Amino acid sequence: MRKNIIAGNWKMNKTVEEAVELANAIKLELADCKDVDVVLCPPFTALKAVSDVISETLINVGSQNMSSEDEGAYTGEISHTMLKELFVRYVILGHSERREYYKETDFWINKKVKKALDKNLRPILCVGEKLEDREAGSTESVVEVQVREGLKDIPVSAYTELVIAYEPVWAIGTGKTATSEQAQEVHAFIRSIVKDMVGAEAADAVRIQYGGSMKPGNAPELLAQPDIDGGLIGGAALDATSFAGIVKAGM
């Protein structure tokens, strides 16, 4: 049985003070949560503060991005060493906003995935299609390229450590959500790609999250699908009650 993983991507929200307040509120709800892996991904500026808040709980800390390089003249970048010093365990890589606004390519995302795994961090690889892709019937072809290129040359043994997040771009921050059937269909397709790449055992083991406007109201139905193993939560992660409600739906 795959354990559900619910990660809150706070994006560019929350000052350090606000992040501490939110982390404390989530801690009250989920400090001893054993049935679901819970991950909080605040902005870089709040990683230390949030890490301190949840240090004696079962909640994990994640980063919203990471450099593919170890150190050096890479202005504005954050290395794995810097993240691990703050007890970061997970890193979101290839988020649609990084692909769209900062032109991150599958090549560079793959480099980041490899670096994270090499340094004992758990990557959350994001894949997903835009609205025009879905309307053109290109969902599977777009997603397949992102999965195959993002996980290129990743060893079979790593699939128990990494997470794939399917995020239909048209459902992020729009209030629109893929139906449970639509989401399940793509999740199953992603698992079939992994099976073709590295075999059935790894495909059965890898966790695939849904990342498109999941809320407490639709979480139970989405999480009941056989190939959906959690959620990468945006807006609802900024409210402790909503986030905790999603986590509890995954128990």
Protein backbone atom coordinates (compact mmCIF):
# COMPACT_ATOMS: atom_id res chain seq x y z
CA MET A 1 0.00 0.00 0.00
CA ARG A 2 1.27 3.44 -0.96
CA LYS A 3 1.07 6.02 1.82
CA ASN A 4 -0.68 9.24 0.84
CA ILE A 5 1.46 12.38 0.77
CA ILE A 6 -0.11 15.83 1.13
CA ALA A 7 2.26 18.74 0.46
CA GLY A 8 1.36 22.40 0.93
CA ASN A 9 2.99 24.69 -1.62
CA TRP A 10 2.76 28.17 -0.10
CA LYS A 11 4.27 29.76 -3.22
CA MET A 12 5.25 33.45 -2.78
CA ASN A 13 3.03 33.97 0.24
CA LYS A 14 3.61 34.56 3.95
CA THR A 15 6.18 36.68 5.74
CA VAL A 16 8.25 34.87 8.35
CA GLU A 17 5.84 35.95 11.08
CA GLU A 18 2.82 34.81 9.08
CA ALA A 19 4.53 31.53 8.19
CA VAL A 20 5.19 30.78 11.85
CA GLU A 21 1.54 31.49 12.67
CA LEU A 22 0.33 29.16 9.92
CA ALA A 23 2.82 26.43 10.80
CA ASN A 24 1.77 26.56 14.44
CA ALA A 25 -1.90 26.27 13.47
CA ILE A 26 -1.17 23.26 11.26
CA LYS A 27 0.98 21.76 14.00
CA LEU A 28 -1.98 21.85 16.40
CA GLU A 29 -4.04 19.83 13.90
CA LEU A 30 -1.45 17.42 12.48
CA ALA A 31 1.59 17.13 14.74
CA ASP A 32 1.09 13.42 15.36
CA CYS A 33 -0.24 12.46 11.92
CA LYS A 34 1.12 9.01 11.07
CA ASP A 35 -1.21 7.82 8.33
CA VAL A 36 -0.29 10.53 5.79
CA ASP A 37 3.07 12.11 4.99
CA VAL A 38 2.58 15.84 5.53
CA VAL A 39 4.94 18.36 3.93
CA LEU A 40 5.00 22.15 4.31
CA CYS A 41 6.75 24.12 1.56
CA PRO A 42 7.07 27.77 2.62
CA PRO A 43 9.12 30.43 0.80
CA PHE A 44 12.90 30.21 1.23
CA THR A 45 12.86 33.09 3.71
CA ALA A 46 10.60 31.15 6.10
CA LEU A 47 12.18 27.69 5.84
CA LYS A 48 14.23 28.02 9.03
CA ALA A 49 11.33 29.41 11.05
CA VAL A 50 8.86 26.77 9.87
CA SER A 51 11.44 24.02 10.38
CA ASP A 52 11.87 25.17 13.98
CA VAL A 53 8.10 25.14 14.58
CA ILE A 54 7.59 21.56 13.41
CA SER A 55 10.94 20.13 14.55
CA GLU A 56 9.44 17.75 17.12
CA THR A 57 6.49 16.62 15.01
CA LEU A 58 5.98 14.13 12.18
CA ILE A 59 5.50 16.98 9.70
CA ASN A 60 8.17 17.40 7.02
CA VAL A 61 9.59 20.57 5.47
CA GLY A 62 9.93 20.99 1.72
CA SER A 63 11.45 23.56 -0.59
CA GLN A 64 9.72 25.07 -3.62
CA ASN A 65 12.81 24.78 -5.82
CA MET A 66 16.52 23.87 -5.77
CA SER A 67 19.57 24.47 -7.92
CA SER A 68 21.07 21.68 -9.99
CA GLU A 69 24.53 22.89 -8.92
CA ASP A 70 26.41 22.36 -5.67
CA GLU A 71 27.73 25.92 -5.19
CA GLY A 72 29.31 28.82 -7.05
CA ALA A 73 28.44 31.89 -9.12
CA TYR A 74 24.70 31.22 -9.48
CA THR A 75 23.07 34.42 -8.29
CA GLY A 76 19.69 33.89 -6.67
CA GLU A 77 19.95 30.10 -6.49
CA ILE A 78 19.67 27.83 -3.44
CA SER A 79 21.75 24.64 -3.14
CA HIS A 80 20.95 21.25 -1.64
CA THR A 81 23.50 21.92 1.11
CA MET A 82 21.70 25.08 2.18
CA LEU A 83 18.37 23.27 2.21
CA LYS A 84 19.57 20.25 4.15
CA GLU A 85 21.05 22.56 6.79
CA LEU A 86 17.46 23.68 7.42
CA PHE A 87 16.22 20.07 7.68
CA VAL A 88 14.42 20.21 4.33
CA ARG A 89 13.37 16.71 3.21
CA TYR A 90 11.40 17.30 -0.01
CA VAL A 91 11.92 19.61 -2.99
CA ILE A 92 9.29 20.62 -5.54
CA LEU A 93 10.85 20.55 -9.01
CA GLY A 94 9.44 21.49 -12.41
CA HIS A 95 6.35 23.25 -11.11
CA SER A 96 4.27 24.65 -13.97
CA GLU A 97 4.97 28.19 -12.80
CA ARG A 98 8.71 27.54 -13.00
CA ARG A 99 8.26 26.09 -16.48
CA GLU A 100 6.04 28.96 -17.65
CA TYR A 101 7.56 32.07 -16.05
CA TYR A 102 11.20 31.04 -15.74
CA LYS A 103 11.43 28.85 -18.83
CA GLU A 104 12.71 25.78 -17.02
CA THR A 105 13.12 22.92 -19.47
CA ASP A 106 12.82 19.18 -18.98
CA PHE A 107 16.62 18.95 -19.32
CA TRP A 108 17.28 21.23 -16.36
CA ILE A 109 14.45 19.75 -14.32
CA ASN A 110 15.96 16.30 -14.86
CA LYS A 111 19.33 17.61 -13.64
CA LYS A 112 17.64 18.90 -10.49
CA VAL A 113 15.85 15.59 -9.89
CA LYS A 114 19.14 13.72 -10.19
CA LYS A 115 20.89 16.15 -7.86
CA ALA A 116 18.15 15.90 -5.24
CA LEU A 117 18.23 12.11 -5.24
CA ASP A 118 22.02 12.06 -5.16
CA LYS A 119 21.96 14.28 -2.07
CA ASN A 120 19.25 12.30 -0.27
CA LEU A 121 16.46 14.78 -0.86
CA ARG A 122 13.08 13.62 -2.13
CA PRO A 123 12.01 15.34 -5.35
CA ILE A 124 8.39 16.08 -6.15
CA LEU A 125 8.44 16.19 -9.95
CA CYS A 126 5.57 18.23 -11.36
CA VAL A 127 4.04 17.43 -14.74
CA GLY A 128 0.87 18.56 -16.44
CA GLU A 129 -0.81 20.02 -19.49
CA LYS A 130 -2.14 23.48 -20.30
CA LEU A 131 -5.75 24.14 -21.29
CA GLU A 132 -4.86 24.34 -24.98
CA ASP A 133 -3.15 20.94 -24.73
CA ARG A 134 -6.23 19.33 -23.22
CA GLU A 135 -8.56 20.95 -25.74
CA ALA A 136 -6.30 19.73 -28.55
CA GLY A 137 -6.36 16.19 -27.19
CA SER A 138 -2.63 16.36 -26.41
CA THR A 139 -2.75 15.71 -22.66
CA GLU A 140 -1.09 12.31 -22.85
CA SER A 141 1.64 13.31 -25.28
CA VAL A 142 2.57 16.40 -23.25
CA VAL A 143 2.58 14.54 -19.94
CA GLU A 144 4.50 11.61 -21.35
CA VAL A 145 7.36 13.81 -22.56
CA GLN A 146 7.57 15.56 -19.18
CA VAL A 147 7.63 12.25 -17.29
CA ARG A 148 10.13 10.51 -19.55
CA GLU A 149 12.48 13.50 -19.78
CA GLY A 150 12.12 14.52 -16.14
CA LEU A 151 12.95 10.99 -14.96
CA LYS A 152 15.52 10.18 -17.63
CA ASP A 153 18.30 7.91 -16.33
CA ILE A 154 16.82 7.75 -12.82
CA PRO A 155 17.63 4.35 -11.25
CA VAL A 156 14.82 1.96 -10.41
CA SER A 157 15.72 2.09 -6.72
CA ALA A 158 14.91 5.82 -6.58
CA TYR A 159 11.22 5.44 -7.35
CA THR A 160 10.36 4.69 -3.74
CA GLU A 161 11.92 8.05 -2.80
CA LEU A 162 10.60 10.37 -5.50
CA VAL A 163 7.07 11.68 -5.95
CA ILE A 164 5.32 12.69 -9.16
CA ALA A 165 2.71 15.46 -9.00
CA TYR A 166 0.19 15.67 -11.82
CA GLU A 167 -0.94 19.27 -12.02
CA PRO A 168 -3.28 20.15 -14.88
CA VAL A 169 -2.20 23.76 -15.43
CA TRP A 170 -5.74 24.79 -16.32
CA ALA A 171 -6.88 23.78 -12.83
CA ILE A 172 -4.24 25.62 -10.78
CA GLY A 173 -5.57 28.64 -8.94
CA THR A 174 -8.57 28.82 -11.27
CA GLY A 175 -11.11 27.12 -9.07
CA LYS A 176 -11.52 24.51 -11.79
CA THR A 177 -10.75 20.94 -10.90
CA ALA A 178 -10.37 17.88 -13.03
CA THR A 179 -13.13 15.42 -12.25
CA SER A 180 -12.02 12.43 -10.24
CA GLU A 181 -12.36 10.35 -13.39
CA GLN A 182 -10.20 12.76 -15.43
CA ALA A 183 -7.56 12.89 -12.72
CA GLN A 184 -7.52 9.11 -12.27
CA GLU A 185 -7.19 8.59 -16.00
CA VAL A 186 -4.02 10.69 -16.20
CA HIS A 187 -2.58 9.26 -12.98
CA ALA A 188 -3.04 5.74 -14.34
CA PHE A 189 -1.42 6.84 -17.60
CA ILE A 190 1.59 8.24 -15.71
CA ARG A 191 1.93 4.98 -13.80
CA SER A 192 1.85 3.09 -17.10
CA ILE A 193 4.70 5.25 -18.41
CA VAL A 194 6.77 4.50 -15.32
CA LYS A 195 6.02 0.81 -15.78
CA ASP A 196 7.27 0.99 -19.35
CA MET A 197 10.39 2.85 -18.25
CA VAL A 198 11.49 0.88 -15.20
CA GLY A 199 9.07 -1.99 -14.61
CA ALA A 200 5.94 -2.88 -12.68
CA GLU A 201 7.48 -2.98 -9.21
CA ALA A 202 8.70 0.63 -9.38
CA ALA A 203 5.45 1.73 -11.02
CA ASP A 204 3.45 0.21 -8.18
CA ALA A 205 5.69 1.84 -5.58
CA VAL A 206 5.93 5.41 -6.90
CA ARG A 207 3.53 7.91 -5.39
CA ILE A 208 1.60 10.22 -7.72
CA GLN A 209 -0.09 13.29 -6.28
CA TYR A 210 -2.88 15.39 -7.76
CA GLY A 211 -2.14 19.11 -7.89
CA GLY A 212 -5.10 21.04 -9.23
CA SER A 213 -7.32 22.98 -6.80
CA MET A 214 -7.81 20.16 -4.31
CA LYS A 215 -9.98 21.27 -1.38
CA PRO A 216 -11.58 19.58 1.64
CA GLY A 217 -14.80 19.25 -0.37
CA ASN A 218 -13.36 17.33 -3.31
CA ALA A 219 -10.41 15.66 -1.58
CA PRO A 220 -12.24 12.49 -0.45
CA GLU A 221 -13.42 11.62 -3.95
CA LEU A 222 -10.05 12.40 -5.55
CA LEU A 223 -8.07 10.52 -2.91
CA ALA A 224 -10.34 7.50 -3.25
CA GLN A 225 -9.07 6.92 -6.78
CA PRO A 226 -6.69 3.94 -7.04
CA ASP A 227 -3.78 5.82 -8.62
CA ILE A 228 -4.02 9.11 -6.71
CA ASP A 229 -1.66 9.04 -3.74
CA GLY A 230 -2.12 12.49 -2.26
CA GLY A 231 -2.14 16.13 -3.23
CA LEU A 232 0.13 19.05 -3.97
CA ILE A 233 -1.96 21.82 -2.44
CA GLY A 234 -1.76 25.50 -3.35
CA GLY A 235 -4.43 27.92 -2.18
CA ALA A 236 -6.00 25.60 0.40
CA ALA A 237 -2.57 25.12 2.01
CA LEU A 238 -2.63 28.75 3.18
CA ASP A 239 -5.45 28.00 5.60
CA ALA A 240 -4.73 25.57 8.43
CA THR A 241 -8.27 24.26 8.70
CA SER A 242 -8.59 23.62 4.96
CA PHE A 243 -5.17 22.00 4.73
CA ALA A 244 -5.83 19.78 7.74
CA GLY A 245 -9.17 18.79 6.23
CA ILE A 246 -7.45 17.58 3.08
CA VAL A 247 -4.88 15.63 5.08
CA LYS A 248 -7.60 13.99 7.16
CA ALA A 249 -9.41 13.01 3.97
CA GLY A 250 -6.29 11.06 3.02
CA MET A 251 -6.09 9.07 6.24
